[in-house]
Amino acid sequence: LIVTLASSNSTVAQLVTQSAVGDTVRGIIRAGSSTSTTAPTDSGTFFDPLTVGTTTITASIPGYRAIPEASQTITVSAPALTMSSVSQIGAGLAQTRSVTLSSGNHGGVNVVLKSSNPSVARVAPNNSTLATDSIIVSVPNGTTAFNYTVVGIEGTTGAPVISASAPGFTDASSIATIIAPA
């Protein structure tokens, strides 16, 4: 059987088969089967999300009655960055924190970490690298977390925001409270 699949919003998602990519594609349900395969290389179809939003996927087969399950609404949401909270840090001292990516299937992404007030707190990729106002961490595909270091600047106090951003992910932030050491 030849099944036609259509996405109502091609800016949100496209459909992919071995021979076509678009908002409407055709797939095959082989004799003796009730579904198509899930691999696009074997006459199956898969859903490729493109951006945040909602689309309805509708399946139809000529000569067959449409049932309610033939249309499914799908909401595509952006993966998120989250940051471990930064507890108080003594001025002149450092603390290792982490960033988590909610999806590891990102193709490799650069995460930018930045201090809102580098005169009070700076960031570094590790404890042995000089801290700066911002760093870029290259995260390989499949990786969902990494560590970084927040450094309190000697002789200062305050509460700057450490932010994390990456293309295709929602941003995250954490407050770094820098206090006078005891």
Protein backbone atom coordinates (compact mmCIF):
# COMPACT_ATOMS: atom_id res chain seq x y z
CA LEU A 1 0.00 0.00 0.00
CA ILE A 2 1.12 3.55 -0.69
CA VAL A 3 0.52 5.90 2.24
CA THR A 4 0.70 9.68 1.92
CA LEU A 5 1.98 11.57 4.97
CA ALA A 6 1.62 15.32 5.29
CA SER A 7 2.89 17.90 7.79
CA SER A 8 0.61 20.91 8.26
CA ASN A 9 3.53 23.22 9.13
CA SER A 10 6.65 22.68 7.03
CA THR A 11 8.58 25.35 8.93
CA VAL A 12 8.31 23.23 12.11
CA ALA A 13 9.08 19.79 10.64
CA GLN A 14 9.68 17.95 7.44
CA LEU A 15 9.08 14.32 6.56
CA VAL A 16 11.91 12.20 5.15
CA THR A 17 11.89 9.02 3.06
CA GLN A 18 14.61 7.32 1.04
CA SER A 19 13.60 9.29 -2.05
CA ALA A 20 11.93 12.50 -0.77
CA VAL A 21 12.10 15.25 1.83
CA GLY A 22 9.25 17.70 2.34
CA ASP A 23 5.94 18.52 3.94
CA THR A 24 4.24 15.71 1.96
CA VAL A 25 5.84 12.34 1.22
CA ARG A 26 4.77 8.85 0.27
CA GLY A 27 5.71 5.68 2.10
CA ILE A 28 5.12 2.00 1.58
CA ILE A 29 3.34 -0.51 3.79
CA ARG A 30 4.52 -3.86 2.51
CA ALA A 31 2.19 -6.83 2.00
CA GLY A 32 1.53 -8.69 5.25
CA SER A 33 2.50 -5.71 7.39
CA SER A 34 0.40 -3.10 9.18
CA THR A 35 3.08 -0.37 9.35
CA SER A 36 5.88 1.03 7.28
CA THR A 37 9.42 0.57 8.52
CA THR A 38 11.04 3.30 10.61
CA ALA A 39 14.23 3.51 8.53
CA PRO A 40 14.04 5.96 5.62
CA THR A 41 16.47 3.76 3.68
CA ASP A 42 13.97 0.88 3.72
CA SER A 43 10.83 2.61 2.39
CA GLY A 44 10.00 4.03 5.84
CA THR A 45 9.36 7.62 6.82
CA PHE A 46 10.69 9.67 9.69
CA PHE A 47 9.87 13.02 11.28
CA ASP A 48 12.63 15.67 11.13
CA PRO A 49 11.97 18.60 13.52
CA LEU A 50 13.28 21.93 12.20
CA THR A 51 12.23 24.53 14.76
CA VAL A 52 10.02 25.09 17.79
CA GLY A 53 6.29 24.96 17.07
CA THR A 54 3.33 22.71 16.37
CA THR A 55 2.43 20.66 13.32
CA THR A 56 -0.16 18.01 12.54
CA ILE A 57 0.94 14.88 10.69
CA THR A 58 -1.82 13.27 8.67
CA ALA A 59 -1.69 9.84 7.00
CA SER A 60 -3.98 8.79 4.17
CA ILE A 61 -4.32 5.79 1.86
CA PRO A 62 -6.51 6.06 -1.25
CA GLY A 63 -9.61 3.88 -0.92
CA TYR A 64 -9.33 3.59 2.88
CA ARG A 65 -11.46 5.38 5.44
CA ALA A 66 -9.62 7.95 7.57
CA ILE A 67 -9.75 7.31 11.31
CA PRO A 68 -9.06 9.86 14.08
CA GLU A 69 -5.65 8.30 14.77
CA ALA A 70 -4.60 9.16 11.20
CA SER A 71 -3.89 12.74 12.34
CA GLN A 72 -1.49 13.44 15.18
CA THR A 73 -0.54 16.87 16.52
CA ILE A 74 3.12 17.12 17.46
CA THR A 75 4.70 19.92 19.48
CA VAL A 76 8.40 20.47 18.85
CA SER A 77 10.23 22.14 21.72
CA ALA A 78 13.80 23.36 21.91
CA PRO A 79 16.28 21.42 23.97
CA ALA A 80 17.48 23.29 27.04
CA LEU A 81 20.69 24.14 28.82
CA THR A 82 20.68 23.91 32.62
CA MET A 83 23.36 25.06 35.02
CA SER A 84 24.20 23.78 38.46
CA SER A 85 23.70 26.52 41.02
CA VAL A 86 26.73 28.43 42.14
CA SER A 87 26.97 28.65 45.91
CA GLN A 88 28.86 31.42 47.59
CA ILE A 89 32.45 31.80 46.43
CA GLY A 90 35.11 33.63 48.39
CA ALA A 91 36.79 36.49 46.53
CA GLY A 92 40.05 35.16 45.11
CA LEU A 93 38.73 31.58 45.14
CA ALA A 94 37.20 29.29 42.50
CA GLN A 95 34.35 26.79 42.24
CA THR A 96 33.76 24.09 39.60
CA ARG A 97 30.19 23.96 38.27
CA SER A 98 28.44 22.12 35.42
CA VAL A 99 26.24 22.76 32.40
CA THR A 100 23.83 20.06 31.17
CA LEU A 101 22.38 19.85 27.66
CA SER A 102 18.95 18.16 27.59
CA SER A 103 19.79 16.52 24.26
CA GLY A 104 23.00 14.86 23.12
CA ASN A 105 21.82 14.65 19.52
CA HIS A 106 22.96 18.19 18.59
CA GLY A 107 25.63 17.51 15.98
CA GLY A 108 28.27 19.24 18.11
CA VAL A 109 27.61 22.68 19.55
CA ASN A 110 29.52 25.64 20.98
CA VAL A 111 28.24 26.77 24.38
CA VAL A 112 29.08 30.35 25.40
CA LEU A 113 29.50 31.01 29.13
CA LYS A 114 29.61 34.64 30.18
CA SER A 115 29.78 36.68 33.38
CA SER A 116 27.52 39.73 33.59
CA ASN A 117 30.16 41.49 35.72
CA PRO A 118 33.71 40.23 35.03
CA SER A 119 35.13 42.71 37.56
CA VAL A 120 33.51 40.51 40.27
CA ALA A 121 33.42 36.97 38.75
CA ARG A 122 34.94 35.36 35.67
CA VAL A 123 34.69 31.96 34.01
CA ALA A 124 37.26 29.41 32.86
CA PRO A 125 37.05 25.97 31.23
CA ASN A 126 38.98 24.45 34.18
CA ASN A 127 40.96 25.32 37.33
CA SER A 128 44.28 25.63 35.50
CA THR A 129 43.21 28.12 32.82
CA LEU A 130 43.12 31.89 33.34
CA ALA A 131 39.51 33.05 33.88
CA THR A 132 38.00 35.63 31.48
CA ASP A 133 34.66 37.41 31.06
CA SER A 134 33.45 34.69 28.65
CA ILE A 135 34.51 31.33 27.22
CA ILE A 136 33.34 29.08 24.40
CA VAL A 137 33.14 25.36 25.17
CA SER A 138 32.97 23.03 22.15
CA VAL A 139 30.65 20.16 23.07
CA PRO A 140 30.95 17.07 20.83
CA ASN A 141 27.83 15.38 19.49
CA GLY A 142 26.50 12.87 22.02
CA THR A 143 27.87 14.77 25.02
CA THR A 144 25.27 16.12 27.44
CA ALA A 145 27.32 17.77 30.21
CA PHE A 146 30.58 19.56 30.92
CA ASN A 147 32.27 21.37 33.80
CA TYR A 148 33.53 24.94 34.01
CA THR A 149 35.02 27.10 36.75
CA VAL A 150 33.73 30.33 38.31
CA VAL A 151 36.43 32.53 39.83
CA GLY A 152 35.69 35.26 42.38
CA ILE A 153 37.91 38.30 41.76
CA GLU A 154 40.20 39.20 44.68
CA GLY A 155 39.02 42.15 46.80
CA THR A 156 35.45 42.27 45.39
CA THR A 157 31.95 41.21 46.40
CA GLY A 158 28.76 41.02 44.38
CA ALA A 159 26.35 38.72 42.60
CA PRO A 160 26.93 38.63 38.84
CA VAL A 161 24.91 36.33 36.60
CA ILE A 162 26.74 33.55 34.79
CA SER A 163 24.85 32.76 31.58
CA ALA A 164 25.06 29.87 29.13
CA SER A 165 23.82 29.98 25.53
CA ALA A 166 24.08 27.73 22.48
CA PRO A 167 22.40 27.71 19.06
CA GLY A 168 19.20 25.63 19.12
CA PHE A 169 19.04 25.47 22.93
CA THR A 170 17.17 27.60 25.43
CA ASP A 171 19.55 29.68 27.55
CA ALA A 172 20.35 29.13 31.23
CA SER A 173 21.78 31.30 33.98
CA SER A 174 22.97 31.10 37.57
CA ILE A 175 23.91 33.76 40.11
CA ALA A 176 27.49 33.66 41.43
CA THR A 177 27.55 35.30 44.86
CA ILE A 178 31.09 36.46 45.59
CA ILE A 179 31.76 37.14 49.28
CA ALA A 180 34.73 38.34 51.32
CA PRO A 181 36.67 35.26 52.43
CA ALA A 182 36.49 34.38 56.11
